[in-house]
N, C-alpha and C. Protein backbone atom coordinates (compact mmCIF):
# COMPACT_ATOMS: atom_id res chain seq x y z
N MET A 1 12.34 38.46 -31.23
CA MET A 1 12.32 39.13 -32.51
C MET A 1 11.03 39.90 -32.69
N ALA A 2 9.95 39.44 -32.10
CA ALA A 2 8.64 40.06 -32.30
C ALA A 2 8.38 41.23 -31.36
N SER A 3 9.35 41.61 -30.55
CA SER A 3 9.13 42.72 -29.63
C SER A 3 8.97 44.03 -30.42
N GLU A 4 8.23 44.96 -29.84
CA GLU A 4 7.99 46.24 -30.51
C GLU A 4 9.29 47.01 -30.72
N ASP A 5 10.23 46.89 -29.80
CA ASP A 5 11.51 47.58 -29.95
C ASP A 5 12.26 47.07 -31.18
N ASN A 6 12.26 45.76 -31.37
CA ASN A 6 12.94 45.19 -32.53
C ASN A 6 12.26 45.59 -33.83
N VAL A 7 10.92 45.55 -33.83
CA VAL A 7 10.18 45.93 -35.04
C VAL A 7 10.42 47.40 -35.36
N ARG A 8 10.45 48.24 -34.35
CA ARG A 8 10.70 49.67 -34.55
C ARG A 8 12.10 49.89 -35.14
N PHE A 9 13.06 49.12 -34.64
CA PHE A 9 14.43 49.23 -35.17
C PHE A 9 14.47 48.85 -36.65
N LEU A 10 13.78 47.79 -37.02
CA LEU A 10 13.76 47.35 -38.41
C LEU A 10 13.10 48.40 -39.31
N ARG A 11 12.02 48.99 -38.82
CA ARG A 11 11.34 50.01 -39.61
C ARG A 11 12.22 51.23 -39.82
N GLN A 12 12.85 51.69 -38.74
CA GLN A 12 13.68 52.88 -38.82
C GLN A 12 14.86 52.68 -39.77
N ALA A 13 15.33 51.46 -39.87
CA ALA A 13 16.46 51.17 -40.76
C ALA A 13 15.99 50.88 -42.18
N GLY A 14 14.67 50.91 -42.41
CA GLY A 14 14.15 50.67 -43.75
C GLY A 14 14.25 49.22 -44.19
N ARG A 15 14.30 48.30 -43.24
CA ARG A 15 14.44 46.88 -43.57
C ARG A 15 13.07 46.23 -43.73
N ARG A 16 13.06 45.20 -44.55
CA ARG A 16 11.85 44.39 -44.70
C ARG A 16 11.96 43.20 -43.74
N TYR A 17 10.84 42.82 -43.17
CA TYR A 17 10.88 41.74 -42.19
C TYR A 17 9.67 40.83 -42.35
N LEU A 18 9.85 39.60 -41.92
CA LEU A 18 8.80 38.59 -41.87
C LEU A 18 9.07 37.77 -40.62
N ILE A 19 8.26 37.95 -39.59
CA ILE A 19 8.53 37.35 -38.29
C ILE A 19 7.28 36.68 -37.74
N GLY A 20 7.49 35.78 -36.78
CA GLY A 20 6.37 35.20 -36.06
C GLY A 20 5.86 36.20 -35.04
N ALA A 21 4.56 36.45 -35.03
CA ALA A 21 3.97 37.41 -34.10
C ALA A 21 3.75 36.75 -32.74
N SER A 22 3.47 37.57 -31.74
CA SER A 22 3.30 37.09 -30.38
C SER A 22 1.94 36.42 -30.18
N LYS A 23 1.84 35.67 -29.08
CA LYS A 23 0.57 35.03 -28.74
C LYS A 23 -0.52 36.06 -28.46
N SER A 24 -0.13 37.18 -27.86
CA SER A 24 -1.13 38.22 -27.58
C SER A 24 -1.68 38.80 -28.88
N ASP A 25 -0.82 38.96 -29.90
CA ASP A 25 -1.29 39.41 -31.21
C ASP A 25 -2.25 38.39 -31.81
N LEU A 26 -1.92 37.11 -31.66
CA LEU A 26 -2.78 36.06 -32.19
C LEU A 26 -4.15 36.10 -31.55
N ARG A 27 -4.20 36.28 -30.22
CA ARG A 27 -5.49 36.31 -29.52
C ARG A 27 -6.36 37.48 -29.99
N ARG A 28 -5.72 38.58 -30.37
CA ARG A 28 -6.49 39.72 -30.85
C ARG A 28 -7.15 39.46 -32.21
N HIS A 29 -6.74 38.40 -32.87
CA HIS A 29 -7.30 38.05 -34.18
C HIS A 29 -8.28 36.88 -34.09
N GLU A 30 -8.77 36.58 -32.89
CA GLU A 30 -9.65 35.42 -32.73
C GLU A 30 -10.90 35.52 -33.60
N ALA A 31 -11.49 36.72 -33.68
CA ALA A 31 -12.72 36.88 -34.48
C ALA A 31 -12.45 36.59 -35.95
N GLN A 32 -11.29 37.04 -36.46
CA GLN A 32 -10.97 36.78 -37.87
C GLN A 32 -10.66 35.32 -38.12
N ILE A 33 -10.10 34.65 -37.10
CA ILE A 33 -9.84 33.22 -37.23
C ILE A 33 -11.16 32.46 -37.32
N ALA A 34 -12.13 32.88 -36.51
CA ALA A 34 -13.42 32.18 -36.49
C ALA A 34 -14.20 32.36 -37.78
N GLU A 35 -13.97 33.47 -38.49
CA GLU A 35 -14.66 33.69 -39.76
C GLU A 35 -14.16 32.69 -40.81
N GLN A 36 -15.09 32.08 -41.50
CA GLN A 36 -14.70 31.04 -42.47
C GLN A 36 -14.37 31.60 -43.85
N ARG A 37 -14.60 32.87 -44.07
CA ARG A 37 -14.33 33.44 -45.39
C ARG A 37 -12.88 33.93 -45.48
N ASP A 38 -12.41 34.06 -46.73
CA ASP A 38 -11.11 34.64 -47.07
C ASP A 38 -9.92 33.75 -46.73
N TRP A 39 -10.16 32.51 -46.34
CA TRP A 39 -9.05 31.60 -46.12
C TRP A 39 -8.61 31.01 -47.46
N ALA A 40 -7.31 30.90 -47.65
CA ALA A 40 -6.76 30.30 -48.87
C ALA A 40 -5.94 29.08 -48.49
N ARG A 41 -6.24 27.95 -49.12
CA ARG A 41 -5.48 26.73 -48.84
C ARG A 41 -4.22 26.73 -49.70
N ILE A 42 -3.06 26.69 -49.04
CA ILE A 42 -1.81 26.73 -49.78
C ILE A 42 -1.07 25.40 -49.73
N ARG A 43 -1.56 24.50 -48.88
CA ARG A 43 -1.04 23.14 -48.80
C ARG A 43 -2.18 22.27 -48.31
N GLU A 44 -2.01 20.99 -48.42
CA GLU A 44 -3.10 20.07 -48.07
C GLU A 44 -3.63 20.32 -46.66
N ASP A 45 -2.74 20.65 -45.72
CA ASP A 45 -3.16 20.81 -44.32
C ASP A 45 -2.94 22.21 -43.78
N VAL A 46 -2.71 23.19 -44.67
CA VAL A 46 -2.42 24.54 -44.20
C VAL A 46 -3.29 25.55 -44.95
N GLU A 47 -3.91 26.46 -44.18
CA GLU A 47 -4.67 27.57 -44.75
C GLU A 47 -4.12 28.88 -44.20
N VAL A 48 -4.20 29.96 -44.99
CA VAL A 48 -3.75 31.27 -44.54
C VAL A 48 -4.79 32.33 -44.88
N LYS A 49 -4.74 33.42 -44.13
CA LYS A 49 -5.61 34.56 -44.38
C LYS A 49 -4.80 35.84 -44.14
N LEU A 50 -4.89 36.78 -45.08
CA LEU A 50 -4.17 38.04 -44.97
C LEU A 50 -5.02 39.07 -44.24
N CYS A 51 -4.42 39.76 -43.27
CA CYS A 51 -5.12 40.76 -42.48
C CYS A 51 -4.29 42.04 -42.44
N PRO A 52 -4.51 42.97 -43.39
CA PRO A 52 -3.76 44.23 -43.38
C PRO A 52 -4.11 45.06 -42.15
N THR A 53 -3.15 45.83 -41.66
CA THR A 53 -3.41 46.75 -40.56
C THR A 53 -4.13 47.98 -41.09
N GLU A 54 -4.75 48.73 -40.18
CA GLU A 54 -5.53 49.89 -40.59
C GLU A 54 -4.67 50.96 -41.27
N ASN A 55 -3.42 51.11 -40.83
CA ASN A 55 -2.57 52.13 -41.43
C ASN A 55 -1.93 51.68 -42.74
N GLY A 56 -2.11 50.39 -43.08
CA GLY A 56 -1.60 49.89 -44.35
C GLY A 56 -0.10 49.69 -44.40
N GLU A 57 0.57 49.81 -43.24
CA GLU A 57 2.02 49.69 -43.23
C GLU A 57 2.49 48.27 -42.94
N GLU A 58 1.61 47.45 -42.40
CA GLU A 58 1.96 46.08 -42.05
C GLU A 58 0.87 45.13 -42.49
N LEU A 59 1.25 43.86 -42.48
CA LEU A 59 0.32 42.80 -42.85
C LEU A 59 0.48 41.67 -41.85
N TYR A 60 -0.64 41.21 -41.32
CA TYR A 60 -0.63 40.00 -40.49
C TYR A 60 -1.11 38.83 -41.34
N ILE A 61 -0.46 37.68 -41.20
CA ILE A 61 -0.83 36.49 -41.94
C ILE A 61 -1.30 35.44 -40.94
N LEU A 62 -2.59 35.19 -40.90
CA LEU A 62 -3.14 34.12 -40.05
C LEU A 62 -2.88 32.79 -40.72
N CYS A 63 -2.39 31.84 -39.95
CA CYS A 63 -2.10 30.51 -40.48
C CYS A 63 -2.75 29.47 -39.58
N ARG A 64 -3.31 28.43 -40.18
CA ARG A 64 -3.82 27.32 -39.37
C ARG A 64 -3.47 26.01 -40.06
N SER A 65 -3.01 25.10 -39.23
CA SER A 65 -2.51 23.82 -39.71
C SER A 65 -3.26 22.69 -39.02
N GLU A 66 -3.76 21.74 -39.80
CA GLU A 66 -4.47 20.59 -39.22
C GLU A 66 -3.53 19.74 -38.38
N GLN A 67 -2.31 19.55 -38.86
CA GLN A 67 -1.35 18.74 -38.11
C GLN A 67 -1.01 19.41 -36.78
N ARG A 68 -0.79 20.70 -36.82
CA ARG A 68 -0.49 21.44 -35.60
C ARG A 68 -1.70 21.46 -34.67
N ARG A 69 -2.90 21.54 -35.23
CA ARG A 69 -4.11 21.55 -34.42
C ARG A 69 -4.24 20.26 -33.61
N GLU A 70 -4.02 19.13 -34.25
CA GLU A 70 -4.11 17.84 -33.55
C GLU A 70 -3.10 17.76 -32.41
N LYS A 71 -1.90 18.24 -32.68
CA LYS A 71 -0.85 18.20 -31.65
C LYS A 71 -1.20 19.10 -30.47
N GLU A 72 -1.67 20.32 -30.76
CA GLU A 72 -1.99 21.26 -29.69
C GLU A 72 -3.19 20.79 -28.87
N LEU A 73 -4.19 20.22 -29.52
CA LEU A 73 -5.36 19.72 -28.78
C LEU A 73 -4.96 18.57 -27.86
N ALA A 74 -4.05 17.72 -28.32
CA ALA A 74 -3.58 16.61 -27.48
C ALA A 74 -2.85 17.15 -26.25
N ILE A 75 -2.04 18.19 -26.44
CA ILE A 75 -1.34 18.81 -25.32
C ILE A 75 -2.33 19.43 -24.35
N LEU A 76 -3.31 20.16 -24.88
CA LEU A 76 -4.33 20.77 -24.03
C LEU A 76 -5.11 19.74 -23.24
N ASP A 77 -5.43 18.62 -23.88
CA ASP A 77 -6.16 17.55 -23.18
C ASP A 77 -5.37 17.06 -21.97
N ARG A 78 -4.05 16.93 -22.13
CA ARG A 78 -3.22 16.46 -21.02
C ARG A 78 -3.21 17.49 -19.88
N PHE A 79 -3.06 18.76 -20.23
CA PHE A 79 -3.06 19.80 -19.20
C PHE A 79 -4.41 19.89 -18.49
N GLU A 80 -5.49 19.78 -19.27
CA GLU A 80 -6.83 19.84 -18.67
C GLU A 80 -7.04 18.69 -17.70
N LYS A 81 -6.66 17.49 -18.11
CA LYS A 81 -6.84 16.31 -17.27
C LYS A 81 -6.03 16.44 -15.99
N ARG A 82 -4.79 16.92 -16.12
CA ARG A 82 -3.95 17.07 -14.93
C ARG A 82 -4.52 18.11 -13.99
N LEU A 83 -5.02 19.22 -14.54
CA LEU A 83 -5.62 20.26 -13.71
C LEU A 83 -6.88 19.75 -13.01
N GLU A 84 -7.71 19.03 -13.75
CA GLU A 84 -8.93 18.47 -13.16
C GLU A 84 -8.60 17.53 -12.00
N ASN A 85 -7.58 16.70 -12.17
CA ASN A 85 -7.18 15.77 -11.10
C ASN A 85 -6.72 16.52 -9.86
N ARG A 86 -5.96 17.60 -10.08
CA ARG A 86 -5.47 18.36 -8.93
C ARG A 86 -6.60 19.12 -8.23
N ILE A 87 -7.56 19.59 -9.00
CA ILE A 87 -8.72 20.26 -8.40
C ILE A 87 -9.50 19.27 -7.52
N GLU A 88 -9.75 18.08 -8.04
CA GLU A 88 -10.49 17.08 -7.28
C GLU A 88 -9.72 16.66 -6.04
N SER A 89 -8.39 16.56 -6.16
CA SER A 89 -7.57 16.18 -5.01
C SER A 89 -7.65 17.25 -3.92
N LEU A 90 -7.61 18.52 -4.33
CA LEU A 90 -7.70 19.61 -3.35
C LEU A 90 -9.09 19.65 -2.71
N LYS A 91 -10.11 19.40 -3.49
CA LYS A 91 -11.47 19.37 -2.94
C LYS A 91 -11.60 18.28 -1.89
N ARG A 92 -11.05 17.10 -2.19
CA ARG A 92 -11.13 15.98 -1.23
C ARG A 92 -10.38 16.32 0.06
N ARG A 93 -9.21 16.95 -0.08
CA ARG A 93 -8.43 17.30 1.12
C ARG A 93 -9.19 18.29 2.00
N ILE A 94 -9.84 19.25 1.39
CA ILE A 94 -10.62 20.23 2.16
C ILE A 94 -11.83 19.55 2.81
N ALA A 95 -12.49 18.66 2.07
CA ALA A 95 -13.68 17.99 2.59
C ALA A 95 -13.35 17.06 3.76
N LYS A 96 -12.15 16.48 3.76
CA LYS A 96 -11.77 15.53 4.80
C LYS A 96 -11.12 16.20 6.01
N ALA A 97 -10.88 17.50 5.93
CA ALA A 97 -10.18 18.20 7.00
C ALA A 97 -10.96 18.11 8.31
N LYS A 98 -10.23 17.93 9.40
CA LYS A 98 -10.84 17.82 10.73
C LYS A 98 -10.76 19.13 11.51
N GLU A 99 -10.03 20.10 10.95
CA GLU A 99 -9.87 21.39 11.61
C GLU A 99 -9.81 22.49 10.56
N PRO A 100 -9.95 23.76 10.96
CA PRO A 100 -9.95 24.86 9.99
C PRO A 100 -8.67 24.90 9.15
N ILE A 101 -8.85 25.24 7.89
CA ILE A 101 -7.73 25.37 6.95
C ILE A 101 -7.51 26.84 6.65
N ASP A 102 -6.24 27.20 6.59
CA ASP A 102 -5.89 28.59 6.27
C ASP A 102 -6.28 28.89 4.83
N ARG A 103 -7.24 29.79 4.67
CA ARG A 103 -7.76 30.11 3.33
C ARG A 103 -6.68 30.73 2.43
N ALA A 104 -5.82 31.57 3.02
CA ALA A 104 -4.76 32.21 2.23
C ALA A 104 -3.80 31.18 1.65
N GLN A 105 -3.49 30.15 2.41
CA GLN A 105 -2.59 29.10 1.92
C GLN A 105 -3.22 28.34 0.76
N VAL A 106 -4.53 28.07 0.87
CA VAL A 106 -5.22 27.38 -0.22
C VAL A 106 -5.24 28.25 -1.47
N ASP A 107 -5.45 29.55 -1.31
CA ASP A 107 -5.44 30.46 -2.47
C ASP A 107 -4.07 30.46 -3.14
N GLN A 108 -3.01 30.41 -2.33
CA GLN A 108 -1.66 30.34 -2.90
C GLN A 108 -1.46 29.03 -3.65
N GLN A 109 -1.99 27.95 -3.10
CA GLN A 109 -1.88 26.65 -3.76
C GLN A 109 -2.62 26.66 -5.09
N ILE A 110 -3.78 27.31 -5.13
CA ILE A 110 -4.54 27.43 -6.38
C ILE A 110 -3.71 28.18 -7.42
N GLY A 111 -3.05 29.27 -6.99
CA GLY A 111 -2.21 30.04 -7.90
C GLY A 111 -1.09 29.21 -8.49
N ARG A 112 -0.42 28.41 -7.65
CA ARG A 112 0.66 27.54 -8.13
C ARG A 112 0.12 26.46 -9.07
N MET A 113 -1.04 25.95 -8.74
CA MET A 113 -1.67 24.91 -9.55
C MET A 113 -2.00 25.43 -10.94
N LEU A 114 -2.52 26.63 -11.02
CA LEU A 114 -2.86 27.22 -12.31
C LEU A 114 -1.59 27.57 -13.09
N GLN A 115 -0.57 28.01 -12.39
CA GLN A 115 0.68 28.36 -13.06
C GLN A 115 1.35 27.13 -13.67
N SER A 116 1.34 26.01 -12.95
CA SER A 116 1.98 24.81 -13.47
C SER A 116 1.16 24.14 -14.56
N ASN A 117 -0.10 24.52 -14.69
CA ASN A 117 -0.97 24.00 -15.75
C ASN A 117 -1.53 25.17 -16.57
N PHE A 118 -0.62 26.09 -16.93
CA PHE A 118 -1.03 27.36 -17.52
C PHE A 118 -1.80 27.20 -18.82
N ARG A 119 -1.52 26.14 -19.57
CA ARG A 119 -2.21 25.97 -20.86
C ARG A 119 -3.71 25.75 -20.67
N ALA A 120 -4.09 25.21 -19.52
CA ALA A 120 -5.51 24.95 -19.27
C ALA A 120 -6.07 25.86 -18.18
N SER A 121 -5.29 26.87 -17.78
CA SER A 121 -5.70 27.70 -16.64
C SER A 121 -6.96 28.51 -16.93
N GLY A 122 -7.26 28.75 -18.21
CA GLY A 122 -8.46 29.51 -18.54
C GLY A 122 -9.74 28.69 -18.51
N LYS A 123 -9.61 27.39 -18.31
CA LYS A 123 -10.81 26.55 -18.36
C LYS A 123 -11.70 26.74 -17.14
N TYR A 124 -11.08 26.98 -15.97
CA TYR A 124 -11.86 27.08 -14.73
C TYR A 124 -11.68 28.43 -14.05
N ASP A 125 -12.75 28.86 -13.42
CA ASP A 125 -12.69 29.96 -12.47
C ASP A 125 -12.63 29.32 -11.09
N LEU A 126 -11.46 29.37 -10.47
CA LEU A 126 -11.25 28.71 -9.18
C LEU A 126 -11.21 29.76 -8.07
N ARG A 127 -11.93 29.49 -7.00
CA ARG A 127 -11.90 30.40 -5.85
C ARG A 127 -12.31 29.63 -4.60
N THR A 128 -11.92 30.19 -3.47
CA THR A 128 -12.37 29.64 -2.19
C THR A 128 -13.46 30.54 -1.63
N GLU A 129 -14.33 29.95 -0.84
CA GLU A 129 -15.36 30.73 -0.16
C GLU A 129 -15.57 30.15 1.24
N GLU A 130 -16.07 30.99 2.10
CA GLU A 130 -16.28 30.56 3.49
C GLU A 130 -17.39 29.52 3.55
N ALA A 131 -17.16 28.50 4.41
CA ALA A 131 -18.15 27.45 4.63
C ALA A 131 -18.15 27.11 6.11
N PRO A 132 -18.78 27.94 6.95
CA PRO A 132 -18.73 27.74 8.41
C PRO A 132 -19.35 26.43 8.87
N GLU A 133 -20.17 25.82 8.03
CA GLU A 133 -20.80 24.56 8.43
C GLU A 133 -19.84 23.38 8.32
N THR A 134 -18.65 23.56 7.73
CA THR A 134 -17.69 22.47 7.56
C THR A 134 -16.54 22.63 8.55
N ALA A 135 -15.84 21.52 8.79
CA ALA A 135 -14.69 21.56 9.71
C ALA A 135 -13.57 22.42 9.15
N ALA A 136 -13.39 22.40 7.83
CA ALA A 136 -12.32 23.19 7.20
C ALA A 136 -12.64 24.68 7.24
N GLY A 137 -13.92 25.02 7.26
CA GLY A 137 -14.33 26.41 7.28
C GLY A 137 -14.33 27.07 5.91
N ILE A 138 -13.90 26.34 4.90
CA ILE A 138 -13.88 26.88 3.53
C ILE A 138 -14.27 25.76 2.56
N ARG A 139 -14.58 26.14 1.36
CA ARG A 139 -14.78 25.17 0.29
C ARG A 139 -14.15 25.72 -0.98
N LEU A 140 -13.81 24.81 -1.87
CA LEU A 140 -13.25 25.19 -3.16
C LEU A 140 -14.37 25.16 -4.20
N VAL A 141 -14.51 26.26 -4.93
CA VAL A 141 -15.52 26.36 -5.98
C VAL A 141 -14.79 26.39 -7.33
N ALA A 142 -15.15 25.47 -8.20
CA ALA A 142 -14.55 25.39 -9.54
C ALA A 142 -15.67 25.50 -10.57
N LYS A 143 -15.65 26.59 -11.30
CA LYS A 143 -16.67 26.82 -12.31
C LYS A 143 -16.01 26.88 -13.68
N GLU A 144 -16.51 26.07 -14.59
CA GLU A 144 -15.91 26.04 -15.92
C GLU A 144 -16.34 27.28 -16.71
N GLY A 145 -15.35 27.93 -17.34
CA GLY A 145 -15.61 29.12 -18.13
C GLY A 145 -16.47 28.82 -19.34
N SER A 146 -17.40 29.71 -19.64
CA SER A 146 -18.35 29.46 -20.73
C SER A 146 -17.72 29.59 -22.10
N ILE A 147 -16.64 30.38 -22.22
CA ILE A 147 -16.05 30.60 -23.55
C ILE A 147 -14.81 29.76 -23.80
N TRP A 148 -14.38 28.98 -22.79
CA TRP A 148 -13.12 28.25 -22.92
C TRP A 148 -13.12 27.29 -24.10
N LYS A 149 -14.14 26.46 -24.20
CA LYS A 149 -14.13 25.43 -25.24
C LYS A 149 -14.16 26.06 -26.64
N GLY A 150 -14.98 27.11 -26.81
CA GLY A 150 -15.04 27.75 -28.11
C GLY A 150 -13.71 28.35 -28.52
N THR A 151 -13.07 29.04 -27.56
CA THR A 151 -11.76 29.64 -27.84
C THR A 151 -10.72 28.56 -28.10
N ARG A 152 -10.76 27.51 -27.30
CA ARG A 152 -9.82 26.38 -27.46
C ARG A 152 -9.92 25.79 -28.85
N ASP A 153 -11.13 25.51 -29.31
CA ASP A 153 -11.32 24.87 -30.61
C ASP A 153 -10.99 25.82 -31.75
N THR A 154 -11.26 27.12 -31.55
CA THR A 154 -10.99 28.10 -32.61
C THR A 154 -9.49 28.32 -32.79
N MET A 155 -8.77 28.46 -31.69
CA MET A 155 -7.37 28.88 -31.76
C MET A 155 -6.39 27.74 -31.96
N ALA A 156 -6.79 26.51 -31.69
CA ALA A 156 -5.87 25.38 -31.80
C ALA A 156 -5.35 25.25 -33.23
N GLY A 157 -4.05 25.11 -33.35
CA GLY A 157 -3.42 24.93 -34.66
C GLY A 157 -3.14 26.22 -35.39
N CYS A 158 -3.44 27.36 -34.77
CA CYS A 158 -3.26 28.65 -35.44
C CYS A 158 -1.99 29.35 -34.95
N TYR A 159 -1.37 30.08 -35.85
CA TYR A 159 -0.25 30.95 -35.50
C TYR A 159 -0.29 32.15 -36.42
N LEU A 160 0.49 33.17 -36.08
CA LEU A 160 0.38 34.46 -36.76
C LEU A 160 1.74 34.95 -37.19
N LEU A 161 1.82 35.43 -38.42
CA LEU A 161 3.04 36.04 -38.95
C LEU A 161 2.81 37.54 -39.13
N ARG A 162 3.89 38.27 -39.15
CA ARG A 162 3.82 39.73 -39.24
C ARG A 162 4.88 40.22 -40.21
N THR A 163 4.51 41.10 -41.12
CA THR A 163 5.46 41.55 -42.13
C THR A 163 5.12 42.95 -42.62
N ASN A 164 6.12 43.60 -43.19
CA ASN A 164 5.88 44.87 -43.90
C ASN A 164 6.09 44.68 -45.41
N ILE A 165 6.13 43.43 -45.84
CA ILE A 165 6.23 43.12 -47.27
C ILE A 165 4.81 43.05 -47.82
N MET A 166 4.42 44.03 -48.57
CA MET A 166 3.03 44.16 -48.99
C MET A 166 2.77 43.67 -50.41
N ASP A 167 3.83 43.32 -51.14
CA ASP A 167 3.65 43.00 -52.56
C ASP A 167 3.86 41.52 -52.87
N TRP A 168 3.84 40.66 -51.83
CA TRP A 168 3.96 39.22 -52.04
C TRP A 168 2.61 38.56 -51.88
N MET A 169 2.45 37.42 -52.54
CA MET A 169 1.25 36.61 -52.37
C MET A 169 1.33 35.84 -51.05
N HIS A 170 0.17 35.40 -50.57
CA HIS A 170 0.13 34.71 -49.27
C HIS A 170 0.99 33.45 -49.25
N ASP A 171 1.02 32.70 -50.36
CA ASP A 171 1.82 31.48 -50.36
C ASP A 171 3.31 31.79 -50.33
N GLU A 172 3.73 32.90 -50.97
CA GLU A 172 5.14 33.30 -50.94
C GLU A 172 5.56 33.66 -49.52
N LEU A 173 4.70 34.38 -48.82
CA LEU A 173 5.01 34.77 -47.45
C LEU A 173 5.14 33.56 -46.55
N TRP A 174 4.19 32.65 -46.65
CA TRP A 174 4.22 31.48 -45.77
C TRP A 174 5.43 30.60 -46.07
N LYS A 175 5.70 30.35 -47.34
CA LYS A 175 6.83 29.49 -47.70
C LYS A 175 8.16 30.10 -47.26
N THR A 176 8.27 31.43 -47.39
CA THR A 176 9.50 32.10 -46.96
C THR A 176 9.68 31.95 -45.46
N TYR A 177 8.61 32.11 -44.70
CA TYR A 177 8.72 31.97 -43.25
C TYR A 177 9.13 30.54 -42.88
N ILE A 178 8.56 29.55 -43.54
CA ILE A 178 8.92 28.17 -43.26
C ILE A 178 10.38 27.91 -43.56
N GLN A 179 10.90 28.51 -44.64
CA GLN A 179 12.32 28.38 -44.94
C GLN A 179 13.17 28.98 -43.84
N LEU A 180 12.76 30.15 -43.33
CA LEU A 180 13.48 30.78 -42.23
C LEU A 180 13.44 29.90 -40.98
N ALA A 181 12.27 29.32 -40.71
CA ALA A 181 12.14 28.44 -39.54
C ALA A 181 13.02 27.21 -39.68
N ASP A 182 13.09 26.64 -40.89
CA ASP A 182 13.95 25.48 -41.13
C ASP A 182 15.42 25.84 -40.91
N ALA A 183 15.81 27.03 -41.37
CA ALA A 183 17.20 27.48 -41.18
C ALA A 183 17.51 27.63 -39.70
N GLU A 184 16.57 28.20 -38.93
CA GLU A 184 16.76 28.35 -37.50
C GLU A 184 16.88 27.00 -36.81
N ASP A 185 16.06 26.03 -37.23
CA ASP A 185 16.13 24.69 -36.65
C ASP A 185 17.48 24.05 -36.92
N ALA A 186 17.97 24.23 -38.15
CA ALA A 186 19.28 23.66 -38.50
C ALA A 186 20.38 24.28 -37.66
N PHE A 187 20.31 25.60 -37.49
CA PHE A 187 21.32 26.29 -36.69
C PHE A 187 21.24 25.84 -35.23
N ARG A 188 20.01 25.68 -34.72
CA ARG A 188 19.83 25.24 -33.34
C ARG A 188 20.39 23.84 -33.14
N THR A 189 20.16 22.96 -34.12
CA THR A 189 20.69 21.60 -34.05
C THR A 189 22.21 21.61 -34.06
N GLN A 190 22.78 22.43 -34.93
CA GLN A 190 24.23 22.53 -35.02
C GLN A 190 24.82 23.01 -33.70
N LYS A 191 24.18 24.00 -33.09
CA LYS A 191 24.67 24.51 -31.82
C LYS A 191 24.61 23.44 -30.74
N SER A 192 23.55 22.64 -30.74
CA SER A 192 23.42 21.61 -29.72
C SER A 192 24.50 20.54 -29.87
N HIS A 193 24.84 20.21 -31.12
CA HIS A 193 25.91 19.23 -31.34
C HIS A 193 27.26 19.80 -30.92
N LEU A 194 27.49 21.07 -31.22
CA LEU A 194 28.77 21.68 -30.84
C LEU A 194 28.92 21.75 -29.33
N SER A 195 27.82 22.01 -28.63
CA SER A 195 27.92 22.14 -27.18
C SER A 195 28.20 20.81 -26.49
N ILE A 196 27.97 19.71 -27.19
CA ILE A 196 28.27 18.39 -26.63
C ILE A 196 29.77 18.16 -26.56
N ARG A 197 30.51 18.74 -27.53
CA ARG A 197 31.94 18.52 -27.60
C ARG A 197 32.64 19.16 -26.38
N PRO A 198 33.69 18.52 -25.87
CA PRO A 198 34.39 19.06 -24.68
C PRO A 198 35.34 20.20 -25.05
N VAL A 199 34.77 21.36 -25.38
CA VAL A 199 35.61 22.47 -25.82
C VAL A 199 35.68 23.58 -24.78
N TRP A 200 35.13 23.33 -23.59
CA TRP A 200 35.11 24.40 -22.58
C TRP A 200 36.39 24.34 -21.73
N HIS A 201 37.53 24.57 -22.36
CA HIS A 201 38.80 24.52 -21.64
C HIS A 201 39.19 25.91 -21.16
N HIS A 202 39.77 25.95 -19.96
CA HIS A 202 40.19 27.22 -19.38
C HIS A 202 41.71 27.31 -19.24
N ARG A 203 42.41 26.23 -19.62
CA ARG A 203 43.87 26.23 -19.54
C ARG A 203 44.44 25.78 -20.88
N GLU A 204 45.55 26.40 -21.28
CA GLU A 204 46.13 26.14 -22.59
C GLU A 204 46.58 24.69 -22.73
N ASP A 205 47.14 24.10 -21.66
CA ASP A 205 47.64 22.73 -21.76
C ASP A 205 46.50 21.74 -22.01
N ARG A 206 45.33 22.02 -21.44
CA ARG A 206 44.19 21.14 -21.69
C ARG A 206 43.71 21.25 -23.13
N THR A 207 43.77 22.44 -23.69
CA THR A 207 43.39 22.62 -25.09
C THR A 207 44.31 21.82 -25.99
N LYS A 208 45.61 21.86 -25.71
CA LYS A 208 46.57 21.10 -26.53
C LYS A 208 46.37 19.60 -26.35
N ALA A 209 46.08 19.18 -25.13
CA ALA A 209 45.87 17.76 -24.88
C ALA A 209 44.66 17.26 -25.64
N TYR A 210 43.62 18.07 -25.65
CA TYR A 210 42.42 17.67 -26.38
C TYR A 210 42.69 17.61 -27.86
N GLY A 211 43.45 18.58 -28.39
CA GLY A 211 43.77 18.56 -29.83
C GLY A 211 44.60 17.35 -30.19
N ALA A 212 45.54 16.95 -29.33
CA ALA A 212 46.37 15.78 -29.61
C ALA A 212 45.52 14.51 -29.60
N GLN A 213 44.60 14.44 -28.65
CA GLN A 213 43.72 13.29 -28.57
C GLN A 213 42.89 13.16 -29.83
N GLU A 214 42.35 14.31 -30.28
CA GLU A 214 41.47 14.30 -31.45
C GLU A 214 42.23 13.88 -32.69
N ASN A 215 43.54 14.30 -32.79
CA ASN A 215 44.33 13.92 -33.95
C ASN A 215 44.67 12.43 -33.89
């Protein structure tokens, strides 16, 4: 829904919209998230900040939730720990090698490792370098990024909404979006229950048999 093509379609049709913005849009607002001014508390654990666009045609609504923050930090902790364990395991394997190791294969393994732990992939700068004094001929260098922790702590629990409704208060916008999200959850739950039922019949006699059974 947040794709530029969809937003352009809504604008051209003169429709009003209130949608969840993309993660890339959220990252572009990191500086505004870090600023402590202009936040309005609309619920015990939720704050919002309005960020109009330069052309005045749209409004971004920064939201941060304490409950969501705790959940996201716990998830990040798990990914970080798993990535750290895999880095140490790879270091030990390289250190114990009795013969040269193919550097290209290790680089591919690093890529897969970061992909499977993508939430924590920004924490380390991982690379291999030549080490002719070792049996493996290479070593793994893991350097922790200097801005990772600050970004992690700033962005955790935050999400971004996008709208062209310019005449509503921040609490109206947030509450409306939550209502839409609740409706989507209800629809998703209903679909999951329906898909459990054995309705995928391809023959008419099976459809009748199922209907007779149900009656």
